[in-house]
PDB file of all heavy atoms in Angstrom:
ATOM      1  N   THR A   1      72.484  78.566  99.668  1.00  0.00           N
ATOM      2  CA  THR A   1      71.243  79.074  99.099  1.00  0.00           C
ATOM      3  C   THR A   1      71.514  80.349  98.334  1.00  0.00           C
ATOM      4  O   THR A   1      72.578  80.979  98.476  1.00  0.00           O
ATOM      5  CB  THR A   1      70.203  79.370 100.209  1.00  0.00           C
ATOM      6  OG1 THR A   1      70.674  80.464 100.986  1.00  0.00           O
ATOM      7  CG2 THR A   1      69.957  78.145 101.077  1.00  0.00           C
ATOM      8  N   SER A   2      70.539  80.766  97.581  1.00  0.00           N
ATOM      9  CA  SER A   2      70.668  81.997  96.825  1.00  0.00           C
ATOM     10  C   SER A   2      70.897  83.196  97.747  1.00  0.00           C
ATOM     11  O   SER A   2      71.731  84.055  97.458  1.00  0.00           O
ATOM     12  CB  SER A   2      69.404  82.221  95.980  1.00  0.00           C
ATOM     13  OG  SER A   2      69.475  83.421  95.283  1.00  0.00           O
ATOM     14  N   PHE A   3      70.179  83.240  98.881  1.00  0.00           N
ATOM     15  CA  PHE A   3      70.369  84.344  99.813  1.00  0.00           C
ATOM     16  C   PHE A   3      71.789  84.354 100.369  1.00  0.00           C
ATOM     17  O   PHE A   3      72.432  85.393 100.450  1.00  0.00           O
ATOM     18  CB  PHE A   3      69.369  84.279 100.977  1.00  0.00           C
ATOM     19  CG  PHE A   3      69.644  85.323 102.013  1.00  0.00           C
ATOM     20  CD1 PHE A   3      69.228  86.635 101.826  1.00  0.00           C
ATOM     21  CD2 PHE A   3      70.353  85.011 103.163  1.00  0.00           C
ATOM     22  CE1 PHE A   3      69.504  87.618 102.760  1.00  0.00           C
ATOM     23  CE2 PHE A   3      70.642  85.985 104.113  1.00  0.00           C
ATOM     24  CZ  PHE A   3      70.217  87.293 103.910  1.00  0.00           C
ATOM     25  N   GLU A   4      72.285  83.189 100.747  1.00  0.00           N
ATOM     26  CA  GLU A   4      73.643  83.106 101.300  1.00  0.00           C
ATOM     27  C   GLU A   4      74.674  83.556 100.269  1.00  0.00           C
ATOM     28  O   GLU A   4      75.643  84.230 100.608  1.00  0.00           O
ATOM     29  CB  GLU A   4      73.940  81.691 101.764  1.00  0.00           C
ATOM     30  CG  GLU A   4      73.178  81.282 103.004  1.00  0.00           C
ATOM     31  CD  GLU A   4      73.306  79.810 103.320  1.00  0.00           C
ATOM     32  OE1 GLU A   4      73.407  79.002 102.384  1.00  0.00           O
ATOM     33  OE2 GLU A   4      73.302  79.478 104.509  1.00  0.00           O
ATOM     34  N   GLN A   5      74.474  83.175  99.016  1.00  0.00           N
ATOM     35  CA  GLN A   5      75.381  83.597  97.956  1.00  0.00           C
ATOM     36  C   GLN A   5      75.332  85.122  97.759  1.00  0.00           C
ATOM     37  O   GLN A   5      76.369  85.763  97.637  1.00  0.00           O
ATOM     38  CB  GLN A   5      75.062  82.884  96.640  1.00  0.00           C
ATOM     39  CG  GLN A   5      75.388  81.416  96.669  1.00  0.00           C
ATOM     40  CD  GLN A   5      74.852  80.694  95.463  1.00  0.00           C
ATOM     41  OE1 GLN A   5      73.867  81.081  94.856  1.00  0.00           O
ATOM     42  NE2 GLN A   5      75.509  79.579  95.100  1.00  0.00           N
ATOM     43  N   ASN A   6      74.135  85.662  97.740  1.00  0.00           N
ATOM     44  CA  ASN A   6      73.977  87.106  97.582  1.00  0.00           C
ATOM     45  C   ASN A   6      74.589  87.855  98.764  1.00  0.00           C
ATOM     46  O   ASN A   6      75.243  88.892  98.590  1.00  0.00           O
ATOM     47  CB  ASN A   6      72.508  87.486  97.437  1.00  0.00           C
ATOM     48  CG  ASN A   6      71.916  87.048  96.126  1.00  0.00           C
ATOM     49  OD1 ASN A   6      72.628  86.780  95.176  1.00  0.00           O
ATOM     50  ND2 ASN A   6      70.596  86.975  96.071  1.00  0.00           N
ATOM     51  N   TYR A   7      74.387  87.326  99.963  1.00  0.00           N
ATOM     52  CA  TYR A   7      74.922  87.977 101.147  1.00  0.00           C
ATOM     53  C   TYR A   7      76.465  87.942 101.129  1.00  0.00           C
ATOM     54  O   TYR A   7      77.117  88.927 101.440  1.00  0.00           O
ATOM     55  CB  TYR A   7      74.393  87.313 102.412  1.00  0.00           C
ATOM     56  CG  TYR A   7      74.803  88.005 103.690  1.00  0.00           C
ATOM     57  CD1 TYR A   7      74.312  89.271 103.994  1.00  0.00           C
ATOM     58  CD2 TYR A   7      75.711  87.409 104.555  1.00  0.00           C
ATOM     59  CE1 TYR A   7      74.702  89.927 105.161  1.00  0.00           C
ATOM     60  CE2 TYR A   7      76.106  88.060 105.723  1.00  0.00           C
ATOM     61  CZ  TYR A   7      75.598  89.316 106.017  1.00  0.00           C
ATOM     62  OH  TYR A   7      75.989  89.958 107.148  1.00  0.00           O
ATOM     63  N   ALA A   8      77.031  86.814 100.765  1.00  0.00           N
ATOM     64  CA  ALA A   8      78.493  86.686 100.693  1.00  0.00           C
ATOM     65  C   ALA A   8      79.053  87.643  99.639  1.00  0.00           C
ATOM     66  O   ALA A   8      80.071  88.311  99.876  1.00  0.00           O
ATOM     67  CB  ALA A   8      78.885  85.246 100.372  1.00  0.00           C
ATOM     68  N   ARG A   9      78.389  87.733  98.508  1.00  0.00           N
ATOM     69  CA  ARG A   9      78.827  88.648  97.457  1.00  0.00           C
ATOM     70  C   ARG A   9      78.767  90.099  97.940  1.00  0.00           C
ATOM     71  O   ARG A   9      79.680  90.883  97.735  1.00  0.00           O
ATOM     72  CB  ARG A   9      77.953  88.467  96.189  1.00  0.00           C
ATOM     73  CG  ARG A   9      78.403  89.349  95.038  1.00  0.00           C
ATOM     74  CD  ARG A   9      77.538  89.178  93.818  1.00  0.00           C
ATOM     75  NE  ARG A   9      76.189  89.650  94.133  1.00  0.00           N
ATOM     76  CZ  ARG A   9      75.068  89.036  93.770  1.00  0.00           C
ATOM     77  NH1 ARG A   9      75.115  87.936  93.048  1.00  0.00           N
ATOM     78  NH2 ARG A   9      73.898  89.533  94.084  1.00  0.00           N
ATOM     79  N   HIS A  10      77.684  90.419  98.631  1.00  0.00           N
ATOM     80  CA  HIS A  10      77.510  91.781  99.154  1.00  0.00           C
ATOM     81  C   HIS A  10      78.574  92.101 100.197  1.00  0.00           C
ATOM     82  O   HIS A  10      79.168  93.183 100.174  1.00  0.00           O
ATOM     83  CB  HIS A  10      76.110  91.957  99.732  1.00  0.00           C
ATOM     84  CG  HIS A  10      75.879  93.311 100.298  1.00  0.00           C
ATOM     85  ND1 HIS A  10      75.810  94.433  99.523  1.00  0.00           N
ATOM     86  CD2 HIS A  10      75.729  93.733 101.578  1.00  0.00           C
ATOM     87  CE1 HIS A  10      75.619  95.494 100.303  1.00  0.00           C
ATOM     88  NE2 HIS A  10      75.580  95.087 101.545  1.00  0.00           N
ATOM     89  N   LYS A  11      78.835  91.184 101.118  1.00  0.00           N
ATOM     90  CA  LYS A  11      79.867  91.416 102.147  1.00  0.00           C
ATOM     91  C   LYS A  11      81.239  91.645 101.515  1.00  0.00           C
ATOM     92  O   LYS A  11      81.995  92.494 101.971  1.00  0.00           O
ATOM     93  CB  LYS A  11      79.928  90.222 103.115  1.00  0.00           C
ATOM     94  CG  LYS A  11      78.734  90.075 104.013  1.00  0.00           C
ATOM     95  CD  LYS A  11      78.677  91.134 105.086  1.00  0.00           C
ATOM     96  CE  LYS A  11      79.628  90.774 106.197  1.00  0.00           C
ATOM     97  NZ  LYS A  11      79.504  91.617 107.381  1.00  0.00           N
ATOM     98  N   ASN A  12      81.555  90.888 100.454  1.00  0.00           N
ATOM     99  CA  ASN A  12      82.816  91.099  99.754  1.00  0.00           C
ATOM    100  C   ASN A  12      82.877  92.464  99.107  1.00  0.00           C
ATOM    101  O   ASN A  12      83.922  93.128  99.143  1.00  0.00           O
ATOM    102  CB  ASN A  12      83.049  89.995  98.719  1.00  0.00           C
ATOM    103  CG  ASN A  12      83.384  88.669  99.344  1.00  0.00           C
ATOM    104  OD1 ASN A  12      83.876  88.587 100.467  1.00  0.00           O
ATOM    105  ND2 ASN A  12      83.086  87.590  98.644  1.00  0.00           N
ATOM    106  N   ALA A  13      81.775  92.874  98.501  1.00  0.00           N
ATOM    107  CA  ALA A  13      81.742  94.183  97.850  1.00  0.00           C
ATOM    108  C   ALA A  13      81.875  95.319  98.876  1.00  0.00           C
ATOM    109  O   ALA A  13      82.574  96.308  98.646  1.00  0.00           O
ATOM    110  CB  ALA A  13      80.453  94.345  97.050  1.00  0.00           C
ATOM    111  N   VAL A  14      81.227  95.165 100.028  1.00  0.00           N
ATOM    112  CA  VAL A  14      81.323  96.171 101.095  1.00  0.00           C
ATOM    113  C   VAL A  14      82.764  96.280 101.572  1.00  0.00           C
ATOM    114  O   VAL A  14      83.306  97.387 101.717  1.00  0.00           O
ATOM    115  CB  VAL A  14      80.378  95.832 102.278  1.00  0.00           C
ATOM    116  CG1 VAL A  14      80.687  96.670 103.499  1.00  0.00           C
ATOM    117  CG2 VAL A  14      78.919  96.016 101.867  1.00  0.00           C
ATOM    118  N   ALA A  15      83.418  95.151 101.807  1.00  0.00           N
ATOM    119  CA  ALA A  15      84.801  95.157 102.259  1.00  0.00           C
ATOM    120  C   ALA A  15      85.720  95.796 101.224  1.00  0.00           C
ATOM    121  O   ALA A  15      86.635  96.566 101.578  1.00  0.00           O
ATOM    122  CB  ALA A  15      85.265  93.735 102.581  1.00  0.00           C
ATOM    123  N   LYS A  16      85.488  95.511  99.951  1.00  0.00           N
ATOM    124  CA  LYS A  16      86.308  96.102  98.887  1.00  0.00           C
ATOM    125  C   LYS A  16      86.103  97.620  98.851  1.00  0.00           C
ATOM    126  O   LYS A  16      87.078  98.366  98.772  1.00  0.00           O
ATOM    127  CB  LYS A  16      85.937  95.480  97.543  1.00  0.00           C
ATOM    128  CG  LYS A  16      86.755  96.009  96.392  1.00  0.00           C
ATOM    129  CD  LYS A  16      86.401  95.303  95.096  1.00  0.00           C
ATOM    130  CE  LYS A  16      87.201  95.873  93.951  1.00  0.00           C
ATOM    131  NZ  LYS A  16      86.845  95.239  92.661  1.00  0.00           N
ATOM    132  N   ALA A  17      84.860  98.076  98.919  1.00  0.00           N
ATOM    133  CA  ALA A  17      84.579  99.517  98.921  1.00  0.00           C
ATOM    134  C   ALA A  17      85.220 100.182 100.134  1.00  0.00           C
ATOM    135  O   ALA A  17      85.801 101.265 100.011  1.00  0.00           O
ATOM    136  CB  ALA A  17      83.060  99.760  98.901  1.00  0.00           C
ATOM    137  N   ASN A  18      85.115  99.545 101.291  1.00  0.00           N
ATOM    138  CA  ASN A  18      85.695 100.126 102.508  1.00  0.00           C
ATOM    139  C   ASN A  18      87.199 100.308 102.364  1.00  0.00           C
ATOM    140  O   ASN A  18      87.749 101.348 102.745  1.00  0.00           O
ATOM    141  CB  ASN A  18      85.398  99.252 103.726  1.00  0.00           C
ATOM    142  CG  ASN A  18      83.956  99.346 104.151  1.00  0.00           C
ATOM    143  OD1 ASN A  18      83.234 100.260 103.799  1.00  0.00           O
ATOM    144  ND2 ASN A  18      83.518  98.377 104.945  1.00  0.00           N
ATOM    145  N   GLY A  19      87.881  99.329 101.821  1.00  0.00           N
ATOM    146  CA  GLY A  19      89.329  99.431 101.630  1.00  0.00           C
ATOM    147  C   GLY A  19      89.710 100.563 100.689  1.00  0.00           C
ATOM    148  O   GLY A  19      90.628 101.345 100.966  1.00  0.00           O
ATOM    149  N   LEU A  20      89.004 100.665  99.576  1.00  0.00           N
ATOM    150  CA  LEU A  20      89.278 101.728  98.599  1.00  0.00           C
ATOM    151  C   LEU A  20      88.974 103.091  99.186  1.00  0.00           C
ATOM    152  O   LEU A  20      89.755 104.048  99.029  1.00  0.00           O
ATOM    153  CB  LEU A  20      88.451 101.504  97.326  1.00  0.00           C
ATOM    154  CG  LEU A  20      88.814 100.275  96.504  1.00  0.00           C
ATOM    155  CD1 LEU A  20      87.750  99.998  95.439  1.00  0.00           C
ATOM    156  CD2 LEU A  20      90.191 100.415  95.875  1.00  0.00           C
ATOM    157  N   ASN A  21      87.844 103.205  99.882  1.00  0.00           N
ATOM    158  CA  ASN A  21      87.435 104.493 100.470  1.00  0.00           C
ATOM    159  C   ASN A  21      88.376 104.924 101.589  1.00  0.00           C
ATOM    160  O   ASN A  21      88.664 106.122 101.750  1.00  0.00           O
ATOM    161  CB  ASN A  21      85.998 104.431 100.959  1.00  0.00           C
ATOM    162  CG  ASN A  21      85.012 104.307  99.825  1.00  0.00           C
ATOM    163  OD1 ASN A  21      85.320 104.668  98.680  1.00  0.00           O
ATOM    164  ND2 ASN A  21      83.848 103.784 100.111  1.00  0.00           N
ATOM    165  N   LYS A  22      88.852 103.972 102.364  1.00  0.00           N
ATOM    166  CA  LYS A  22      89.788 104.283 103.437  1.00  0.00           C
ATOM    167  C   LYS A  22      91.046 104.935 102.871  1.00  0.00           C
ATOM    168  O   LYS A  22      91.548 105.925 103.409  1.00  0.00           O
ATOM    169  CB  LYS A  22      90.125 103.016 104.218  1.00  0.00           C
ATOM    170  CG  LYS A  22      91.098 103.209 105.354  1.00  0.00           C
ATOM    171  CD  LYS A  22      91.411 101.890 106.040  1.00  0.00           C
ATOM    172  CE  LYS A  22      92.566 102.040 107.004  1.00  0.00           C
ATOM    173  NZ  LYS A  22      93.019 100.766 107.542  1.00  0.00           N
ATOM    174  N   THR A  23      91.555 104.383 101.781  1.00  0.00           N
ATOM    175  CA  THR A  23      92.762 104.933 101.157  1.00  0.00           C
ATOM    176  C   THR A  23      92.527 106.363 100.673  1.00  0.00           C
ATOM    177  O   THR A  23      93.337 107.263 100.965  1.00  0.00           O
ATOM    178  CB  THR A  23      93.209 104.044  99.976  1.00  0.00           C
ATOM    179  OG1 THR A  23      93.514 102.755 100.489  1.00  0.00           O
ATOM    180  CG2 THR A  23      94.416 104.616  99.265  1.00  0.00           C
ATOM    181  N   VAL A  24      91.439 106.602  99.953  1.00  0.00           N
ATOM    182  CA  VAL A  24      91.128 107.941  99.458  1.00  0.00           C
ATOM    183  C   VAL A  24      90.964 108.919 100.621  1.00  0.00           C
ATOM    184  O   VAL A  24      91.470 110.041 100.590  1.00  0.00           O
ATOM    185  CB  VAL A  24      89.835 107.907  98.598  1.00  0.00           C
ATOM    186  CG1 VAL A  24      89.336 109.301  98.285  1.00  0.00           C
ATOM    187  CG2 VAL A  24      90.066 107.108  97.340  1.00  0.00           C
ATOM    188  N   LEU A  25      90.269 108.480 101.663  1.00  0.00           N
ATOM    189  CA  LEU A  25      90.019 109.349 102.805  1.00  0.00           C
ATOM    190  C   LEU A  25      91.318 109.712 103.525  1.00  0.00           C
ATOM    191  O   LEU A  25      91.575 110.888 103.799  1.00  0.00           O
ATOM    192  CB  LEU A  25      89.058 108.656 103.780  1.00  0.00           C
ATOM    193  CG  LEU A  25      88.646 109.449 105.002  1.00  0.00           C
ATOM    194  CD1 LEU A  25      87.964 110.760 104.622  1.00  0.00           C
ATOM    195  CD2 LEU A  25      87.740 108.615 105.883  1.00  0.00           C
ATOM    196  N   PHE A  26      92.158 108.738 103.823  1.00  0.00           N
ATOM    197  CA  PHE A  26      93.403 109.026 104.527  1.00  0.00           C
ATOM    198  C   PHE A  26      94.356 109.867 103.678  1.00  0.00           C
ATOM    199  O   PHE A  26      95.059 110.736 104.218  1.00  0.00           O
ATOM    200  CB  PHE A  26      94.081 107.758 105.031  1.00  0.00           C
ATOM    201  CG  PHE A  26      93.521 107.274 106.333  1.00  0.00           C
ATOM    202  CD1 PHE A  26      92.979 106.008 106.441  1.00  0.00           C
ATOM    203  CD2 PHE A  26      93.553 108.061 107.465  1.00  0.00           C
ATOM    204  CE1 PHE A  26      92.475 105.551 107.660  1.00  0.00           C
ATOM    205  CE2 PHE A  26      93.038 107.620 108.690  1.00  0.00           C
ATOM    206  CZ  PHE A  26      92.506 106.371 108.775  1.00  0.00           C
ATOM    207  N   ASP A  27      94.393 109.651 102.373  1.00  0.00           N
ATOM    208  CA  ASP A  27      95.223 110.495 101.502  1.00  0.00           C
ATOM    209  C   ASP A  27      94.795 111.955 101.606  1.00  0.00           C
ATOM    210  O   ASP A  27      95.621 112.854 101.702  1.00  0.00           O
ATOM    211  CB  ASP A  27      95.138 110.020 100.051  1.00  0.00           C
ATOM    212  CG  ASP A  27      95.866 108.706  99.797  1.00  0.00           C
ATOM    213  OD1 ASP A  27      96.620 108.238 100.683  1.00  0.00           O
ATOM    214  OD2 ASP A  27      95.663 108.125  98.712  1.00  0.00           O
ATOM    215  N   THR A  28      93.478 112.191 101.577  1.00  0.00           N
ATOM    216  CA  THR A  28      92.948 113.554 101.638  1.00  0.00           C
ATOM    217  C   THR A  28      93.200 114.176 103.011  1.00  0.00           C
ATOM    218  O   THR A  28      93.644 115.335 103.106  1.00  0.00           O
ATOM    219  CB  THR A  28      91.437 113.551 101.335  1.00  0.00           C
ATOM    220  OG1 THR A  28      91.236 112.988 100.044  1.00  0.00           O
ATOM    221  CG2 THR A  28      90.860 114.947 101.373  1.00  0.00           C
ATOM    222  N   LEU A  29      92.935 113.438 104.087  1.00  0.00           N
ATOM    223  CA  LEU A  29      93.141 113.972 105.440  1.00  0.00           C
ATOM    224  C   LEU A  29      94.605 114.311 105.676  1.00  0.00           C
ATOM    225  O   LEU A  29      94.927 115.345 106.265  1.00  0.00           O
ATOM    226  CB  LEU A  29      92.624 112.984 106.484  1.00  0.00           C
ATOM    227  CG  LEU A  29      91.115 112.751 106.498  1.00  0.00           C
ATOM    228  CD1 LEU A  29      90.774 111.598 107.434  1.00  0.00           C
ATOM    229  CD2 LEU A  29      90.366 114.021 106.876  1.00  0.00           C
ATOM    230  N   ALA A  30      95.515 113.449 105.229  1.00  0.00           N
ATOM    231  CA  ALA A  30      96.944 113.702 105.404  1.00  0.00           C
ATOM    232  C   ALA A  30      97.367 114.969 104.652  1.00  0.00           C
ATOM    233  O   ALA A  30      98.120 115.787 105.174  1.00  0.00           O
ATOM    234  CB  ALA A  30      97.739 112.492 104.931  1.00  0.00           C
ATOM    235  N   ALA A  31      96.854 115.136 103.423  1.00  0.00           N
ATOM    236  CA  ALA A  31      97.200 116.321 102.639  1.00  0.00           C
ATOM    237  C   ALA A  31      96.703 117.606 103.317  1.00  0.00           C
ATOM    238  O   ALA A  31      97.319 118.665 103.169  1.00  0.00           O
ATOM    239  CB  ALA A  31      96.610 116.210 101.233  1.00  0.00           C
ATOM    240  N   LEU A  32      95.609 117.523 104.067  1.00  0.00           N
ATOM    241  CA  LEU A  32      95.068 118.674 104.790  1.00  0.00           C
ATOM    242  C   LEU A  32      95.775 118.921 106.127  1.00  0.00           C
ATOM    243  O   LEU A  32      95.530 119.921 106.777  1.00  0.00           O
ATOM    244  CB  LEU A  32      93.569 118.492 105.029  1.00  0.00           C
ATOM    245  CG  LEU A  32      92.666 118.536 103.801  1.00  0.00           C
ATOM    246  CD1 LEU A  32      91.273 118.078 104.172  1.00  0.00           C
ATOM    247  CD2 LEU A  32      92.656 119.941 103.225  1.00  0.00           C
ATOM    248  N   GLY A  33      96.607 117.978 106.561  1.00  0.00           N
ATOM    249  CA  GLY A  33      97.278 118.111 107.845  1.00  0.00           C
ATOM    250  C   GLY A  33      96.459 117.650 109.041  1.00  0.00           C
ATOM    251  O   GLY A  33      96.843 117.858 110.185  1.00  0.00           O
TER     252      GLY A  33
END
């Protein structure tokens, strides 16, 4: 259904954002010690 497609698309986008944000966050935290 349209809802299922939208939900699947959203879940993929959330997972992609989480992965990118995790990298940026850990790079910054490591640089700060």
